[in-house]
Amino acid sequence: MTHNGIEYGECSSSARRIPDEGRPWDDPDEMHEVFKEWNAGELDSYLIEITRDILGKKDEDGSPLVDKILDTAGQKGTGKWTVISSQTWAFPSR
């Protein structure tokens, strides 16, 4: 459960950081370069690595594959459980 909470936090931090760098969110090639830079530094992690990889993938027609992936996600509740546990034990969740 804690592992999943950390992953949610890492995803949230990544989502907040790109606009701060003045980089566009709508260009998968540019985003691929951002995640490539991050993965080469102190932000090196499995989630950054696989995000970098999917942003660099091209479909058979040469267009970014990420543009064809549905913008939806399910959730199993682990992020919510992490926050509830954090509150129960008085640990900050951010």
PDB file of N, CA and C in Angstrom:
ATOM      1  N   MET A   1       0.829  -1.190   0.000  1.00  0.00           N
ATOM      2  CA  MET A   1       0.000   0.000   0.000  1.00  0.00           C
ATOM      3  C   MET A   1       0.871   1.249   0.000  1.00  0.00           C
ATOM      4  N   THR A   2       1.877   1.289   0.843  1.00  0.00           N
ATOM      5  CA  THR A   2       2.744   2.464   0.899  1.00  0.00           C
ATOM      6  C   THR A   2       3.460   2.657  -0.428  1.00  0.00           C
ATOM      7  N   HIS A   3       3.876   1.557  -1.033  1.00  0.00           N
ATOM      8  CA  HIS A   3       4.536   1.619  -2.340  1.00  0.00           C
ATOM      9  C   HIS A   3       3.642   2.341  -3.353  1.00  0.00           C
ATOM     10  N   ASN A   4       2.359   1.970  -3.399  1.00  0.00           N
ATOM     11  CA  ASN A   4       1.428   2.597  -4.335  1.00  0.00           C
ATOM     12  C   ASN A   4       1.250   4.081  -4.030  1.00  0.00           C
ATOM     13  N   GLY A   5       1.213   4.419  -2.748  1.00  0.00           N
ATOM     14  CA  GLY A   5       1.105   5.830  -2.364  1.00  0.00           C
ATOM     15  C   GLY A   5       2.303   6.626  -2.853  1.00  0.00           C
ATOM     16  N   ILE A   6       3.480   6.030  -2.766  1.00  0.00           N
ATOM     17  CA  ILE A   6       4.694   6.694  -3.259  1.00  0.00           C
ATOM     18  C   ILE A   6       4.608   6.882  -4.770  1.00  0.00           C
ATOM     19  N   GLU A   7       4.115   5.869  -5.476  1.00  0.00           N
ATOM     20  CA  GLU A   7       3.959   5.993  -6.927  1.00  0.00           C
ATOM     21  C   GLU A   7       2.978   7.110  -7.279  1.00  0.00           C
ATOM     22  N   TYR A   8       1.860   7.197  -6.560  1.00  0.00           N
ATOM     23  CA  TYR A   8       0.910   8.278  -6.816  1.00  0.00           C
ATOM     24  C   TYR A   8       1.579   9.637  -6.611  1.00  0.00           C
ATOM     25  N   GLY A   9       2.361   9.741  -5.559  1.00  0.00           N
ATOM     26  CA  GLY A   9       3.074  10.989  -5.284  1.00  0.00           C
ATOM     27  C   GLY A   9       4.061  11.326  -6.380  1.00  0.00           C
ATOM     28  N   GLU A  10       4.767  10.330  -6.871  1.00  0.00           N
ATOM     29  CA  GLU A  10       5.734  10.563  -7.946  1.00  0.00           C
ATOM     30  C   GLU A  10       5.025  11.012  -9.226  1.00  0.00           C
ATOM     31  N   CYS A  11       3.911  10.390  -9.535  1.00  0.00           N
ATOM     32  CA  CYS A  11       3.138  10.793 -10.718  1.00  0.00           C
ATOM     33  C   CYS A  11       2.629  12.225 -10.571  1.00  0.00           C
ATOM     34  N   SER A  12       2.144  12.558  -9.402  1.00  0.00           N
ATOM     35  CA  SER A  12       1.642  13.901  -9.146  1.00  0.00           C
ATOM     36  C   SER A  12       2.755  14.934  -9.262  1.00  0.00           C
ATOM     37  N   SER A  13       3.917  14.630  -8.710  1.00  0.00           N
ATOM     38  CA  SER A  13       5.055  15.548  -8.787  1.00  0.00           C
ATOM     39  C   SER A  13       5.485  15.764 -10.232  1.00  0.00           C
ATOM     40  N   SER A  14       5.502  14.696 -11.017  1.00  0.00           N
ATOM     41  CA  SER A  14       5.875  14.808 -12.428  1.00  0.00           C
ATOM     42  C   SER A  14       4.881  15.692 -13.170  1.00  0.00           C
ATOM     43  N   ALA A  15       3.606  15.497 -12.901  1.00  0.00           N
ATOM     44  CA  ALA A  15       2.571  16.277 -13.575  1.00  0.00           C
ATOM     45  C   ALA A  15       2.673  17.758 -13.249  1.00  0.00           C
ATOM     46  N   ARG A  16       3.118  18.074 -12.053  1.00  0.00           N
ATOM     47  CA  ARG A  16       3.241  19.476 -11.651  1.00  0.00           C
ATOM     48  C   ARG A  16       4.523  20.121 -12.146  1.00  0.00           C
ATOM     49  N   ARG A  17       5.548  19.329 -12.365  1.00  0.00           N
ATOM     50  CA  ARG A  17       6.868  19.887 -12.662  1.00  0.00           C
ATOM     51  C   ARG A  17       7.021  20.351 -14.109  1.00  0.00           C
ATOM     52  N   ILE A  18       6.452  19.651 -15.066  1.00  0.00           N
ATOM     53  CA  ILE A  18       6.643  20.016 -16.472  1.00  0.00           C
ATOM     54  C   ILE A  18       6.180  21.445 -16.762  1.00  0.00           C
ATOM     55  N   PRO A  19       4.969  21.853 -16.332  1.00  0.00           N
ATOM     56  CA  PRO A  19       4.576  23.241 -16.597  1.00  0.00           C
ATOM     57  C   PRO A  19       5.521  24.259 -15.936  1.00  0.00           C
ATOM     58  N   ASP A  20       6.093  23.911 -14.787  1.00  0.00           N
ATOM     59  CA  ASP A  20       7.032  24.811 -14.117  1.00  0.00           C
ATOM     60  C   ASP A  20       8.283  25.038 -14.945  1.00  0.00           C
ATOM     61  N   GLU A  21       8.640  24.072 -15.762  1.00  0.00           N
ATOM     62  CA  GLU A  21       9.820  24.193 -16.610  1.00  0.00           C
ATOM     63  C   GLU A  21       9.506  24.908 -17.918  1.00  0.00           C
ATOM     64  N   GLY A  22       8.256  25.295 -18.110  1.00  0.00           N
ATOM     65  CA  GLY A  22       7.868  25.987 -19.331  1.00  0.00           C
ATOM     66  C   GLY A  22       7.831  25.079 -20.545  1.00  0.00           C
ATOM     67  N   ARG A  23       7.697  23.797 -20.310  1.00  0.00           N
ATOM     68  CA  ARG A  23       7.665  22.832 -21.409  1.00  0.00           C
ATOM     69  C   ARG A  23       6.214  22.507 -21.749  1.00  0.00           C
ATOM     70  N   PRO A  24       5.940  22.219 -23.024  1.00  0.00           N
ATOM     71  CA  PRO A  24       4.563  21.905 -23.420  1.00  0.00           C
ATOM     72  C   PRO A  24       4.153  20.487 -23.033  1.00  0.00           C
ATOM     73  N   TRP A  25       2.919  20.337 -22.601  1.00  0.00           N
ATOM     74  CA  TRP A  25       2.356  19.018 -22.294  1.00  0.00           C
ATOM     75  C   TRP A  25       1.821  18.343 -23.547  1.00  0.00           C
ATOM     76  N   ASP A  26       1.591  19.102 -24.607  1.00  0.00           N
ATOM     77  CA  ASP A  26       0.896  18.548 -25.765  1.00  0.00           C
ATOM     78  C   ASP A  26       1.835  17.995 -26.841  1.00  0.00           C
ATOM     79  N   ASP A  27       3.129  17.963 -26.591  1.00  0.00           N
ATOM     80  CA  ASP A  27       4.083  17.457 -27.569  1.00  0.00           C
ATOM     81  C   ASP A  27       4.798  16.227 -26.994  1.00  0.00           C
ATOM     82  N   PRO A  28       4.360  15.024 -27.387  1.00  0.00           N
ATOM     83  CA  PRO A  28       4.961  13.811 -26.833  1.00  0.00           C
ATOM     84  C   PRO A  28       6.472  13.725 -27.031  1.00  0.00           C
ATOM     85  N   ASP A  29       6.980  14.234 -28.152  1.00  0.00           N
ATOM     86  CA  ASP A  29       8.426  14.184 -28.382  1.00  0.00           C
ATOM     87  C   ASP A  29       9.171  15.067 -27.382  1.00  0.00           C
ATOM     88  N   GLU A  30       8.642  16.242 -27.107  1.00  0.00           N
ATOM     89  CA  GLU A  30       9.254  17.136 -26.121  1.00  0.00           C
ATOM     90  C   GLU A  30       9.146  16.531 -24.717  1.00  0.00           C
ATOM     91  N   MET A  31       7.988  15.955 -24.405  1.00  0.00           N
ATOM     92  CA  MET A  31       7.809  15.324 -23.095  1.00  0.00           C
ATOM     93  C   MET A  31       8.747  14.129 -22.941  1.00  0.00           C
ATOM     94  N   HIS A  32       8.957  13.389 -24.027  1.00  0.00           N
ATOM     95  CA  HIS A  32       9.911  12.271 -24.004  1.00  0.00           C
ATOM     96  C   HIS A  32      11.294  12.776 -23.601  1.00  0.00           C
ATOM     97  N   GLU A  33      11.704  13.899 -24.156  1.00  0.00           N
ATOM     98  CA  GLU A  33      13.013  14.472 -23.826  1.00  0.00           C
ATOM     99  C   GLU A  33      13.078  14.902 -22.360  1.00  0.00           C
ATOM    100  N   VAL A  34      11.984  15.473 -21.841  1.00  0.00           N
ATOM    101  CA  VAL A  34      11.942  15.874 -20.429  1.00  0.00           C
ATOM    102  C   VAL A  34      12.145  14.654 -19.533  1.00  0.00           C
ATOM    103  N   PHE A  35      11.381  13.602 -19.777  1.00  0.00           N
ATOM    104  CA  PHE A  35      11.482  12.400 -18.946  1.00  0.00           C
ATOM    105  C   PHE A  35      12.838  11.707 -19.139  1.00  0.00           C
ATOM    106  N   LYS A  36      13.416  11.820 -20.322  1.00  0.00           N
ATOM    107  CA  LYS A  36      14.748  11.272 -20.568  1.00  0.00           C
ATOM    108  C   LYS A  36      15.781  11.995 -19.700  1.00  0.00           C
ATOM    109  N   GLU A  37      15.684  13.329 -19.638  1.00  0.00           N
ATOM    110  CA  GLU A  37      16.581  14.125 -18.783  1.00  0.00           C
ATOM    111  C   GLU A  37      16.391  13.745 -17.315  1.00  0.00           C
ATOM    112  N   TRP A  38      15.147  13.663 -16.888  1.00  0.00           N
ATOM    113  CA  TRP A  38      14.867  13.323 -15.494  1.00  0.00           C
ATOM    114  C   TRP A  38      15.418  11.947 -15.142  1.00  0.00           C
ATOM    115  N   ASN A  39      15.244  10.977 -16.052  1.00  0.00           N
ATOM    116  CA  ASN A  39      15.674   9.618 -15.757  1.00  0.00           C
ATOM    117  C   ASN A  39      17.201   9.508 -15.713  1.00  0.00           C
ATOM    118  N   ALA A  40      17.899  10.452 -16.306  1.00  0.00           N
ATOM    119  CA  ALA A  40      19.364  10.441 -16.285  1.00  0.00           C
ATOM    120  C   ALA A  40      19.910  11.098 -15.014  1.00  0.00           C
ATOM    121  N   GLY A  41      19.034  11.698 -14.207  1.00  0.00           N
ATOM    122  CA  GLY A  41      19.477  12.402 -13.012  1.00  0.00           C
ATOM    123  C   GLY A  41      18.930  11.794 -11.741  1.00  0.00           C
ATOM    124  N   GLU A  42      18.742  12.647 -10.743  1.00  0.00           N
ATOM    125  CA  GLU A  42      18.300  12.157  -9.434  1.00  0.00           C
ATOM    126  C   GLU A  42      16.853  11.674  -9.418  1.00  0.00           C
ATOM    127  N   LEU A  43      16.100  11.965 -10.464  1.00  0.00           N
ATOM    128  CA  LEU A  43      14.713  11.488 -10.544  1.00  0.00           C
ATOM    129  C   LEU A  43      14.619  10.104 -11.183  1.00  0.00           C
ATOM    130  N   ASP A  44      15.748   9.482 -11.425  1.00  0.00           N
ATOM    131  CA  ASP A  44      15.798   8.154 -12.017  1.00  0.00           C
ATOM    132  C   ASP A  44      14.909   7.185 -11.237  1.00  0.00           C
ATOM    133  N   SER A  45      13.913   6.634 -11.922  1.00  0.00           N
ATOM    134  CA  SER A  45      13.025   5.658 -11.293  1.00  0.00           C
ATOM    135  C   SER A  45      12.334   4.854 -12.383  1.00  0.00           C
ATOM    136  N   TYR A  46      11.738   3.767 -11.972  1.00  0.00           N
ATOM    137  CA  TYR A  46      11.035   2.908 -12.929  1.00  0.00           C
ATOM    138  C   TYR A  46       9.870   3.652 -13.585  1.00  0.00           C
ATOM    139  N   LEU A  47       9.105   4.412 -12.809  1.00  0.00           N
ATOM    140  CA  LEU A  47       7.957   5.123 -13.392  1.00  0.00           C
ATOM    141  C   LEU A  47       8.399   6.183 -14.392  1.00  0.00           C
ATOM    142  N   ILE A  48       9.471   6.901 -14.072  1.00  0.00           N
ATOM    143  CA  ILE A  48       9.990   7.907 -15.009  1.00  0.00           C
ATOM    144  C   ILE A  48      10.495   7.204 -16.273  1.00  0.00           C
ATOM    145  N   GLU A  49      11.151   6.060 -16.090  1.00  0.00           N
ATOM    146  CA  GLU A  49      11.683   5.304 -17.229  1.00  0.00           C
ATOM    147  C   GLU A  49      10.573   4.817 -18.159  1.00  0.00           C
ATOM    148  N   ILE A  50       9.524   4.209 -17.603  1.00  0.00           N
ATOM    149  CA  ILE A  50       8.469   3.686 -18.488  1.00  0.00           C
ATOM    150  C   ILE A  50       7.645   4.816 -19.101  1.00  0.00           C
ATOM    151  N   THR A  51       7.525   5.940 -18.392  1.00  0.00           N
ATOM    152  CA  THR A  51       6.840   7.098 -18.977  1.00  0.00           C
ATOM    153  C   THR A  51       7.646   7.628 -20.152  1.00  0.00           C
ATOM    154  N   ARG A  52       8.963   7.744 -19.962  1.00  0.00           N
ATOM    155  CA  ARG A  52       9.852   8.167 -21.050  1.00  0.00           C
ATOM    156  C   ARG A  52       9.677   7.247 -22.255  1.00  0.00           C
ATOM    157  N   ASP A  53       9.662   5.941 -21.996  1.00  0.00           N
ATOM    158  CA  ASP A  53       9.588   4.973 -23.094  1.00  0.00           C
ATOM    159  C   ASP A  53       8.277   5.082 -23.864  1.00  0.00           C
ATOM    160  N   ILE A  54       7.150   5.172 -23.155  1.00  0.00           N
ATOM    161  CA  ILE A  54       5.868   5.229 -23.875  1.00  0.00           C
ATOM    162  C   ILE A  54       5.730   6.545 -24.632  1.00  0.00           C
ATOM    163  N   LEU A  55       6.294   7.627 -24.102  1.00  0.00           N
ATOM    164  CA  LEU A  55       6.230   8.906 -24.819  1.00  0.00           C
ATOM    165  C   LEU A  55       7.062   8.873 -26.099  1.00  0.00           C
ATOM    166  N   GLY A  56       8.051   7.994 -26.163  1.00  0.00           N
ATOM    167  CA  GLY A  56       8.901   7.887 -27.347  1.00  0.00           C
ATOM    168  C   GLY A  56       8.415   6.884 -28.374  1.00  0.00           C
ATOM    169  N   LYS A  57       7.417   6.070 -28.019  1.00  0.00           N
ATOM    170  CA  LYS A  57       6.917   5.049 -28.948  1.00  0.00           C
ATOM    171  C   LYS A  57       6.101   5.683 -30.069  1.00  0.00           C
ATOM    172  N   LYS A  58       6.293   5.145 -31.267  1.00  0.00           N
ATOM    173  CA  LYS A  58       5.541   5.591 -32.440  1.00  0.00           C
ATOM    174  C   LYS A  58       4.640   4.451 -32.912  1.00  0.00           C
ATOM    175  N   ASP A  59       3.472   4.811 -33.423  1.00  0.00           N
ATOM    176  CA  ASP A  59       2.564   3.827 -33.993  1.00  0.00           C
ATOM    177  C   ASP A  59       3.082   3.435 -35.386  1.00  0.00           C
ATOM    178  N   GLU A  60       2.435   2.480 -36.007  1.00  0.00           N
ATOM    179  CA  GLU A  60       2.856   2.026 -37.335  1.00  0.00           C
ATOM    180  C   GLU A  60       2.853   3.149 -38.360  1.00  0.00           C
ATOM    181  N   ASP A  61       1.980   4.143 -38.172  1.00  0.00           N
ATOM    182  CA  ASP A  61       1.921   5.254 -39.116  1.00  0.00           C
ATOM    183  C   ASP A  61       2.907   6.383 -38.761  1.00  0.00           C
ATOM    184  N   GLY A  62       3.728   6.167 -37.730  1.00  0.00           N
ATOM    185  CA  GLY A  62       4.741   7.154 -37.350  1.00  0.00           C
ATOM    186  C   GLY A  62       4.279   8.201 -36.361  1.00  0.00           C
ATOM    187  N   SER A  63       3.006   8.167 -36.005  1.00  0.00           N
ATOM    188  CA  SER A  63       2.493   9.144 -35.042  1.00  0.00           C
ATOM    189  C   SER A  63       2.733   8.645 -33.612  1.00  0.00           C
ATOM    190  N   PRO A  64       2.797   9.564 -32.650  1.00  0.00           N
ATOM    191  CA  PRO A  64       3.029   9.149 -31.260  1.00  0.00           C
ATOM    192  C   PRO A  64       1.929   8.196 -30.766  1.00  0.00           C
ATOM    193  N   LEU A  65       2.336   7.057 -30.259  1.00  0.00           N
ATOM    194  CA  LEU A  65       1.383   6.066 -29.754  1.00  0.00           C
ATOM    195  C   LEU A  65       0.572   6.622 -28.589  1.00  0.00           C
ATOM    196  N   VAL A  66       1.185   7.461 -27.764  1.00  0.00           N
ATOM    197  CA  VAL A  66       0.505   7.996 -26.584  1.00  0.00           C
ATOM    198  C   VAL A  66      -0.749   8.798 -26.956  1.00  0.00           C
ATOM    199  N   ASP A  67      -0.756   9.374 -28.151  1.00  0.00           N
ATOM    200  CA  ASP A  67      -1.941  10.129 -28.584  1.00  0.00           C
ATOM    201  C   ASP A  67      -3.135   9.229 -28.874  1.00  0.00           C
ATOM    202  N   LYS A  68      -2.891   7.924 -28.987  1.00  0.00           N
ATOM    203  CA  LYS A  68      -3.969   6.987 -29.290  1.00  0.00           C
ATOM    204  C   LYS A  68      -4.427   6.205 -28.062  1.00  0.00           C
ATOM    205  N   ILE A  69      -3.806   6.462 -26.929  1.00  0.00           N
ATOM    206  CA  ILE A  69      -4.178   5.790 -25.685  1.00  0.00           C
ATOM    207  C   ILE A  69      -5.302   6.579 -25.031  1.00  0.00           C
ATOM    208  N   LEU A  70      -6.355   5.893 -24.622  1.00  0.00           N
ATOM    209  CA  LEU A  70      -7.482   6.563 -23.993  1.00  0.00           C
ATOM    210  C   LEU A  70      -7.043   7.305 -22.733  1.00  0.00           C
ATOM    211  N   ASP A  71      -7.576   8.470 -22.532  1.00  0.00           N
ATOM    212  CA  ASP A  71      -7.245   9.303 -21.376  1.00  0.00           C
ATOM    213  C   ASP A  71      -8.167   8.951 -20.213  1.00  0.00           C
ATOM    214  N   THR A  72      -8.081   7.713 -19.774  1.00  0.00           N
ATOM    215  CA  THR A  72      -8.894   7.255 -18.649  1.00  0.00           C
ATOM    216  C   THR A  72      -8.033   6.384 -17.749  1.00  0.00           C
ATOM    217  N   ALA A  73      -8.436   6.281 -16.524  1.00  0.00           N
ATOM    218  CA  ALA A  73      -7.720   5.423 -15.585  1.00  0.00           C
ATOM    219  C   ALA A  73      -8.692   4.947 -14.519  1.00  0.00           C
ATOM    220  N   GLY A  74      -8.490   3.743 -14.095  1.00  0.00           N
ATOM    221  CA  GLY A  74      -9.265   3.220 -12.977  1.00  0.00           C
ATOM    222  C   GLY A  74      -8.456   3.389 -11.709  1.00  0.00           C
ATOM    223  N   GLN A  75      -9.072   3.117 -10.618  1.00  0.00           N
ATOM    224  CA  GLN A  75      -8.316   3.153  -9.368  1.00  0.00           C
ATOM    225  C   GLN A  75      -8.829   2.068  -8.463  1.00  0.00           C
ATOM    226  N   LYS A  76      -7.885   1.475  -7.748  1.00  0.00           N
ATOM    227  CA  LYS A  76      -8.202   0.350  -6.869  1.00  0.00           C
ATOM    228  C   LYS A  76      -8.408   0.804  -5.432  1.00  0.00           C
ATOM    229  N   GLY A  77      -8.159   2.063  -5.165  1.00  0.00           N
ATOM    230  CA  GLY A  77      -8.343   2.566  -3.813  1.00  0.00           C
ATOM    231  C   GLY A  77      -7.070   2.682  -3.010  1.00  0.00           C
ATOM    232  N   THR A  78      -5.943   2.244  -3.569  1.00  0.00           N
ATOM    233  CA  THR A  78      -4.709   2.258  -2.784  1.00  0.00           C
ATOM    234  C   THR A  78      -4.228   3.665  -2.463  1.00  0.00           C
ATOM    235  N   GLY A  79      -4.454   4.606  -3.367  1.00  0.00           N
ATOM    236  CA  GLY A  79      -4.096   5.985  -3.066  1.00  0.00           C
ATOM    237  C   GLY A  79      -4.923   6.528  -1.909  1.00  0.00           C
ATOM    238  N   LYS A  80      -6.209   6.222  -1.924  1.00  0.00           N
ATOM    239  CA  LYS A  80      -7.103   6.634  -0.843  1.00  0.00           C
ATOM    240  C   LYS A  80      -6.690   5.973   0.472  1.00  0.00           C
ATOM    241  N   TRP A  81      -6.365   4.685   0.421  1.00  0.00           N
ATOM    242  CA  TRP A  81      -5.937   3.987   1.636  1.00  0.00           C
ATOM    243  C   TRP A  81      -4.674   4.606   2.209  1.00  0.00           C
ATOM    244  N   THR A  82      -3.768   5.029   1.329  1.00  0.00           N
ATOM    245  CA  THR A  82      -2.525   5.647   1.791  1.00  0.00           C
ATOM    246  C   THR A  82      -2.824   6.931   2.553  1.00  0.00           C
ATOM    247  N   VAL A  83      -3.729   7.738   2.015  1.00  0.00           N
ATOM    248  CA  VAL A  83      -4.086   8.997   2.677  1.00  0.00           C
ATOM    249  C   VAL A  83      -4.784   8.721   4.010  1.00  0.00           C
ATOM    250  N   ILE A  84      -5.693   7.773   4.030  1.00  0.00           N
ATOM    251  CA  ILE A  84      -6.394   7.428   5.279  1.00  0.00           C
ATOM    252  C   ILE A  84      -5.392   6.933   6.327  1.00  0.00           C
ATOM    253  N   SER A  85      -4.477   6.060   5.935  1.00  0.00           N
ATOM    254  CA  SER A  85      -3.454   5.573   6.877  1.00  0.00           C
ATOM    255  C   SER A  85      -2.574   6.711   7.365  1.00  0.00           C
ATOM    256  N   SER A  86      -2.228   7.601   6.464  1.00  0.00           N
ATOM    257  CA  SER A  86      -1.407   8.750   6.831  1.00  0.00           C
ATOM    258  C   SER A  86      -2.110   9.598   7.887  1.00  0.00           C
ATOM    259  N   GLN A  87      -3.407   9.811   7.698  1.00  0.00           N
ATOM    260  CA  GLN A  87      -4.169  10.595   8.660  1.00  0.00           C
ATOM    261  C   GLN A  87      -4.314   9.848   9.991  1.00  0.00           C
ATOM    262  N   THR A  88      -4.574   8.554   9.911  1.00  0.00           N
ATOM    263  CA  THR A  88      -4.745   7.740  11.118  1.00  0.00           C
ATOM    264  C   THR A  88      -3.492   7.763  11.984  1.00  0.00           C
ATOM    265  N   TRP A  89      -2.331   7.657  11.353  1.00  0.00           N
ATOM    266  CA  TRP A  89      -1.067   7.586  12.077  1.00  0.00           C
ATOM    267  C   TRP A  89      -0.387   8.954  12.210  1.00  0.00           C
ATOM    268  N   ALA A  90      -1.063   9.997  11.754  1.00  0.00           N
ATOM    269  CA  ALA A  90      -0.561  11.382  11.850  1.00  0.00           C
ATOM    270  C   ALA A  90       0.753  11.588  11.104  1.00  0.00           C
ATOM    271  N   PHE A  91       0.894  10.935   9.947  1.00  0.00           N
ATOM    272  CA  PHE A  91       2.040  11.157   9.071  1.00  0.00           C
ATOM    273  C   PHE A  91       1.581  12.018   7.892  1.00  0.00           C
ATOM    274  N   PRO A  92       2.365  13.006   7.508  1.00  0.00           N
ATOM    275  CA  PRO A  92       1.985  13.814   6.345  1.00  0.00           C
ATOM    276  C   PRO A  92       1.958  12.950   5.094  1.00  0.00           C
ATOM    277  N   SER A  93       0.976  13.164   4.228  1.00  0.00           N
ATOM    278  CA  SER A  93       0.861  12.357   3.007  1.00  0.00           C
ATOM    279  C   SER A  93       1.448  13.066   1.792  1.00  0.00           C
ATOM    280  N   ARG A  94       2.072  14.189   1.978  1.00  0.00           N
ATOM    281  CA  ARG A  94       2.691  14.868   0.837  1.00  0.00           C
ATOM    282  C   ARG A  94       4.079  15.310   1.164  1.00  0.00           C
TER     283      ARG A  94
END
